[in-house]
Amino acid sequence: MEHEADHQRIWGLIKNEHTAVLVTVGTDGSIDSRPMGCVQKEFDGTLWFLTFKDSPKVLEIDKNQQALVSYARPSDYEFISISGRARIVDDPAKVHTLWSEGFRVWFPEGPNSPNIALLAIDVKVAKVWTKPASALTYALYYLRARITGKKSLAV
């Protein structure tokens, strides 16, 4: 995830999402997943979530930083799978930047709650599945793949 165009494409797919599924490696090595509320206001290569400092996922991430975040919009046949390195961040200013009053359901004390933590996922790989392409679009993707040797994200 190094190019601005890639960031904008991903942002275009996730900016209106309210929920994602976060997958981590459990402390026993098993796979663990849970829904997470989306708090992104922009995307620069890092996904942000709010969580509880005493959440089991914090221990999981401390032991193994591999994480996957998945978004799905089946009605539009759009799916995105994002994997990268997870980390817990202590940054009260960033919490305030990402804060929305709706989060008081989980953090009644507001953005200064002593149990609030930031979860950052530094994106390494994004896979996108979108609507099937038209014959013309498919032909353009084919030509681009033949010329550049790289597959299209749209496939």
C-alpha atoms as a PDB file:
ATOM      1  CA  MET A   1       0.000   0.000   0.000  1.00  0.00           C
ATOM      2  CA  GLU A   2       2.311   2.712  -1.215  1.00  0.00           C
ATOM      3  CA  HIS A   3       0.393   4.651  -3.848  1.00  0.00           C
ATOM      4  CA  GLU A   4      -2.091   7.460  -3.387  1.00  0.00           C
ATOM      5  CA  ALA A   5      -4.314   5.992  -6.119  1.00  0.00           C
ATOM      6  CA  ASP A   6      -4.535   2.718  -4.152  1.00  0.00           C
ATOM      7  CA  HIS A   7      -5.410   4.647  -0.991  1.00  0.00           C
ATOM      8  CA  GLN A   8      -8.146   6.557  -2.802  1.00  0.00           C
ATOM      9  CA  ARG A   9      -9.583   3.381  -4.330  1.00  0.00           C
ATOM     10  CA  ILE A  10      -9.760   1.694  -0.935  1.00  0.00           C
ATOM     11  CA  TRP A  11     -11.199   4.841   0.656  1.00  0.00           C
ATOM     12  CA  GLY A  12     -13.860   4.958  -2.048  1.00  0.00           C
ATOM     13  CA  LEU A  13     -14.928   1.433  -1.091  1.00  0.00           C
ATOM     14  CA  ILE A  14     -14.876   1.793   2.715  1.00  0.00           C
ATOM     15  CA  LYS A  15     -15.693   5.432   3.492  1.00  0.00           C
ATOM     16  CA  ASN A  16     -19.430   4.847   3.918  1.00  0.00           C
ATOM     17  CA  GLU A  17     -19.139   1.581   5.838  1.00  0.00           C
ATOM     18  CA  HIS A  18     -20.296   1.485   9.441  1.00  0.00           C
ATOM     19  CA  THR A  19     -19.029  -1.971  10.366  1.00  0.00           C
ATOM     20  CA  ALA A  20     -16.083  -4.170   9.468  1.00  0.00           C
ATOM     21  CA  VAL A  21     -14.970  -7.573  10.685  1.00  0.00           C
ATOM     22  CA  LEU A  22     -11.601  -7.651  12.431  1.00  0.00           C
ATOM     23  CA  VAL A  23      -9.751 -10.970  12.427  1.00  0.00           C
ATOM     24  CA  THR A  24      -6.790 -11.567  14.736  1.00  0.00           C
ATOM     25  CA  VAL A  25      -4.770 -14.536  15.928  1.00  0.00           C
ATOM     26  CA  GLY A  26      -5.900 -15.631  19.380  1.00  0.00           C
ATOM     27  CA  THR A  27      -3.431 -16.071  22.213  1.00  0.00           C
ATOM     28  CA  ASP A  28      -3.773 -19.852  21.732  1.00  0.00           C
ATOM     29  CA  GLY A  29      -3.055 -19.582  17.993  1.00  0.00           C
ATOM     30  CA  SER A  30      -6.695 -19.900  16.901  1.00  0.00           C
ATOM     31  CA  ILE A  31      -8.364 -17.386  14.593  1.00  0.00           C
ATOM     32  CA  ASP A  32     -10.654 -14.879  16.303  1.00  0.00           C
ATOM     33  CA  SER A  33     -13.040 -12.412  14.677  1.00  0.00           C
ATOM     34  CA  ARG A  34     -15.453  -9.735  15.749  1.00  0.00           C
ATOM     35  CA  PRO A  35     -17.408  -6.814  14.258  1.00  0.00           C
ATOM     36  CA  MET A  36     -15.869  -3.374  14.749  1.00  0.00           C
ATOM     37  CA  GLY A  37     -17.392   0.055  14.272  1.00  0.00           C
ATOM     38  CA  CYS A  38     -15.686   2.060  11.542  1.00  0.00           C
ATOM     39  CA  VAL A  39     -14.270   5.417  12.637  1.00  0.00           C
ATOM     40  CA  GLN A  40     -12.260   6.401   9.534  1.00  0.00           C
ATOM     41  CA  LYS A  41     -12.563   9.993   8.370  1.00  0.00           C
ATOM     42  CA  GLU A  42      -9.886   9.512   5.704  1.00  0.00           C
ATOM     43  CA  PHE A  43      -7.499   6.771   4.637  1.00  0.00           C
ATOM     44  CA  ASP A  44      -3.744   7.169   4.344  1.00  0.00           C
ATOM     45  CA  GLY A  45      -2.682   3.541   4.629  1.00  0.00           C
ATOM     46  CA  THR A  46      -3.797   2.977   8.229  1.00  0.00           C
ATOM     47  CA  LEU A  47      -7.204   1.790   9.441  1.00  0.00           C
ATOM     48  CA  TRP A  48      -8.346   3.073  12.838  1.00  0.00           C
ATOM     49  CA  PHE A  49     -10.762   1.610  15.386  1.00  0.00           C
ATOM     50  CA  LEU A  50     -11.673   2.397  18.979  1.00  0.00           C
ATOM     51  CA  THR A  51     -11.536  -0.441  21.479  1.00  0.00           C
ATOM     52  CA  PHE A  52     -11.302  -1.137  25.198  1.00  0.00           C
ATOM     53  CA  LYS A  53      -7.847  -1.303  26.774  1.00  0.00           C
ATOM     54  CA  ASP A  54      -8.922  -4.457  28.629  1.00  0.00           C
ATOM     55  CA  SER A  55     -10.314  -6.199  25.534  1.00  0.00           C
ATOM     56  CA  PRO A  56      -8.997  -9.693  24.722  1.00  0.00           C
ATOM     57  CA  LYS A  57      -8.016  -8.423  21.265  1.00  0.00           C
ATOM     58  CA  VAL A  58      -5.406  -6.167  22.897  1.00  0.00           C
ATOM     59  CA  LEU A  59      -3.689  -9.252  24.356  1.00  0.00           C
ATOM     60  CA  GLU A  60      -3.987 -11.038  21.012  1.00  0.00           C
ATOM     61  CA  ILE A  61      -2.358  -8.140  19.166  1.00  0.00           C
ATOM     62  CA  ASP A  62       0.363  -7.890  21.776  1.00  0.00           C
ATOM     63  CA  LYS A  63       1.271 -11.522  21.032  1.00  0.00           C
ATOM     64  CA  ASN A  64       0.728 -11.524  17.248  1.00  0.00           C
ATOM     65  CA  GLN A  65       0.322  -8.334  15.199  1.00  0.00           C
ATOM     66  CA  GLN A  66      -1.144 -10.007  12.092  1.00  0.00           C
ATOM     67  CA  ALA A  67      -4.667  -8.792  11.420  1.00  0.00           C
ATOM     68  CA  LEU A  68      -7.244  -8.799   8.669  1.00  0.00           C
ATOM     69  CA  VAL A  69     -10.149  -6.400   8.256  1.00  0.00           C
ATOM     70  CA  SER A  70     -13.003  -7.330   5.952  1.00  0.00           C
ATOM     71  CA  TYR A  71     -15.766  -5.174   4.510  1.00  0.00           C
ATOM     72  CA  ALA A  72     -18.724  -6.488   2.513  1.00  0.00           C
ATOM     73  CA  ARG A  73     -21.515  -4.936   0.541  1.00  0.00           C
ATOM     74  CA  PRO A  74     -23.111  -8.060  -0.974  1.00  0.00           C
ATOM     75  CA  SER A  75     -26.032  -6.186  -2.539  1.00  0.00           C
ATOM     76  CA  ASP A  76     -23.530  -4.298  -4.710  1.00  0.00           C
ATOM     77  CA  TYR A  77     -21.190  -7.302  -5.048  1.00  0.00           C
ATOM     78  CA  GLU A  78     -18.331  -5.382  -3.446  1.00  0.00           C
ATOM     79  CA  PHE A  79     -15.927  -7.008  -1.013  1.00  0.00           C
ATOM     80  CA  ILE A  80     -12.593  -5.882   0.377  1.00  0.00           C
ATOM     81  CA  SER A  81     -10.110  -7.774   2.500  1.00  0.00           C
ATOM     82  CA  ILE A  82      -7.308  -5.759   4.086  1.00  0.00           C
ATOM     83  CA  SER A  83      -4.413  -7.312   5.956  1.00  0.00           C
ATOM     84  CA  GLY A  84      -1.569  -5.735   7.823  1.00  0.00           C
ATOM     85  CA  ARG A  85       0.143  -5.111  11.135  1.00  0.00           C
ATOM     86  CA  ALA A  86      -2.045  -4.262  14.121  1.00  0.00           C
ATOM     87  CA  ARG A  87      -0.893  -2.074  16.990  1.00  0.00           C
ATOM     88  CA  ILE A  88      -2.396  -0.376  20.006  1.00  0.00           C
ATOM     89  CA  VAL A  89      -1.808   3.385  20.035  1.00  0.00           C
ATOM     90  CA  ASP A  90      -1.990   5.746  23.001  1.00  0.00           C
ATOM     91  CA  ASP A  91      -2.828   9.081  21.388  1.00  0.00           C
ATOM     92  CA  PRO A  92      -5.575  11.119  23.124  1.00  0.00           C
ATOM     93  CA  ALA A  93      -5.502  13.753  20.360  1.00  0.00           C
ATOM     94  CA  LYS A  94      -6.208  11.077  17.721  1.00  0.00           C
ATOM     95  CA  VAL A  95      -9.053   9.702  19.853  1.00  0.00           C
ATOM     96  CA  HIS A  96     -10.598  13.196  19.851  1.00  0.00           C
ATOM     97  CA  THR A  97     -10.121  13.446  16.076  1.00  0.00           C
ATOM     98  CA  LEU A  98     -11.929  10.154  15.478  1.00  0.00           C
ATOM     99  CA  TRP A  99     -14.545  10.610  18.205  1.00  0.00           C
ATOM    100  CA  SER A 100     -18.259  10.688  17.422  1.00  0.00           C
ATOM    101  CA  GLU A 101     -20.988  11.087  20.053  1.00  0.00           C
ATOM    102  CA  GLY A 102     -22.430   7.715  19.051  1.00  0.00           C
ATOM    103  CA  PHE A 103     -19.428   6.067  20.722  1.00  0.00           C
ATOM    104  CA  ARG A 104     -20.795   7.064  24.148  1.00  0.00           C
ATOM    105  CA  VAL A 105     -22.786   3.829  24.014  1.00  0.00           C
ATOM    106  CA  TRP A 106     -19.477   2.018  24.664  1.00  0.00           C
ATOM    107  CA  PHE A 107     -17.535   4.840  26.303  1.00  0.00           C
ATOM    108  CA  PRO A 108     -20.016   6.817  28.463  1.00  0.00           C
ATOM    109  CA  GLU A 109     -17.208   9.016  29.818  1.00  0.00           C
ATOM    110  CA  GLY A 110     -16.517  10.274  26.298  1.00  0.00           C
ATOM    111  CA  PRO A 111     -13.216  10.510  24.442  1.00  0.00           C
ATOM    112  CA  ASN A 112     -11.301  10.910  27.723  1.00  0.00           C
ATOM    113  CA  SER A 113     -12.459   7.525  29.014  1.00  0.00           C
ATOM    114  CA  PRO A 114      -9.589   5.799  30.830  1.00  0.00           C
ATOM    115  CA  ASN A 115     -10.465   2.483  29.134  1.00  0.00           C
ATOM    116  CA  ILE A 116     -10.424   3.743  25.544  1.00  0.00           C
ATOM    117  CA  ALA A 117      -7.663   2.579  23.220  1.00  0.00           C
ATOM    118  CA  LEU A 118      -6.882   3.133  19.572  1.00  0.00           C
ATOM    119  CA  LEU A 119      -6.341   0.148  17.335  1.00  0.00           C
ATOM    120  CA  ALA A 120      -4.351   0.893  14.189  1.00  0.00           C
ATOM    121  CA  ILE A 121      -3.963  -1.498  11.279  1.00  0.00           C
ATOM    122  CA  ASP A 122      -1.061  -0.538   9.030  1.00  0.00           C
ATOM    123  CA  VAL A 123      -2.228  -1.924   5.700  1.00  0.00           C
ATOM    124  CA  LYS A 124       0.111  -4.170   3.761  1.00  0.00           C
ATOM    125  CA  VAL A 125      -2.224  -5.907   1.296  1.00  0.00           C
ATOM    126  CA  ALA A 126      -5.713  -5.098   0.051  1.00  0.00           C
ATOM    127  CA  LYS A 127      -7.783  -7.449  -2.065  1.00  0.00           C
ATOM    128  CA  VAL A 128     -10.881  -6.153  -3.781  1.00  0.00           C
ATOM    129  CA  TRP A 129     -13.713  -7.989  -5.463  1.00  0.00           C
ATOM    130  CA  THR A 130     -16.264  -5.837  -7.295  1.00  0.00           C
ATOM    131  CA  LYS A 131     -19.013  -6.210  -9.867  1.00  0.00           C
ATOM    132  CA  PRO A 132     -18.158  -8.289 -12.903  1.00  0.00           C
ATOM    133  CA  ALA A 133     -16.611  -6.183 -15.636  1.00  0.00           C
ATOM    134  CA  SER A 134     -18.136  -5.549 -19.019  1.00  0.00           C
ATOM    135  CA  ALA A 135     -16.457  -7.121 -22.057  1.00  0.00           C
ATOM    136  CA  LEU A 136     -14.787  -3.789 -22.876  1.00  0.00           C
ATOM    137  CA  THR A 137     -13.539  -3.295 -19.321  1.00  0.00           C
ATOM    138  CA  TYR A 138     -12.285  -6.880 -19.244  1.00  0.00           C
ATOM    139  CA  ALA A 139     -10.389  -6.282 -22.504  1.00  0.00           C
ATOM    140  CA  LEU A 140      -8.759  -3.152 -21.048  1.00  0.00           C
ATOM    141  CA  TYR A 141      -7.736  -5.025 -17.895  1.00  0.00           C
ATOM    142  CA  TYR A 142      -6.349  -7.825 -20.038  1.00  0.00           C
ATOM    143  CA  LEU A 143      -4.258  -5.400 -22.081  1.00  0.00           C
ATOM    144  CA  ARG A 144      -2.996  -3.673 -18.967  1.00  0.00           C
ATOM    145  CA  ALA A 145      -2.013  -7.024 -17.443  1.00  0.00           C
ATOM    146  CA  ARG A 146      -0.210  -8.074 -20.639  1.00  0.00           C
ATOM    147  CA  ILE A 147       1.684  -4.784 -20.857  1.00  0.00           C
ATOM    148  CA  THR A 148       2.551  -4.325 -17.176  1.00  0.00           C
ATOM    149  CA  GLY A 149       2.634  -7.919 -15.994  1.00  0.00           C
ATOM    150  CA  LYS A 150       0.401  -6.972 -13.067  1.00  0.00           C
ATOM    151  CA  LYS A 151      -3.173  -8.017 -12.444  1.00  0.00           C
ATOM    152  CA  SER A 152      -5.932  -5.485 -11.958  1.00  0.00           C
ATOM    153  CA  LEU A 153      -7.400  -4.769  -8.523  1.00  0.00           C
ATOM    154  CA  ALA A 154     -10.853  -4.656 -10.132  1.00  0.00           C
ATOM    155  CA  VAL A 155     -10.912  -8.367 -10.883  1.00  0.00           C
END
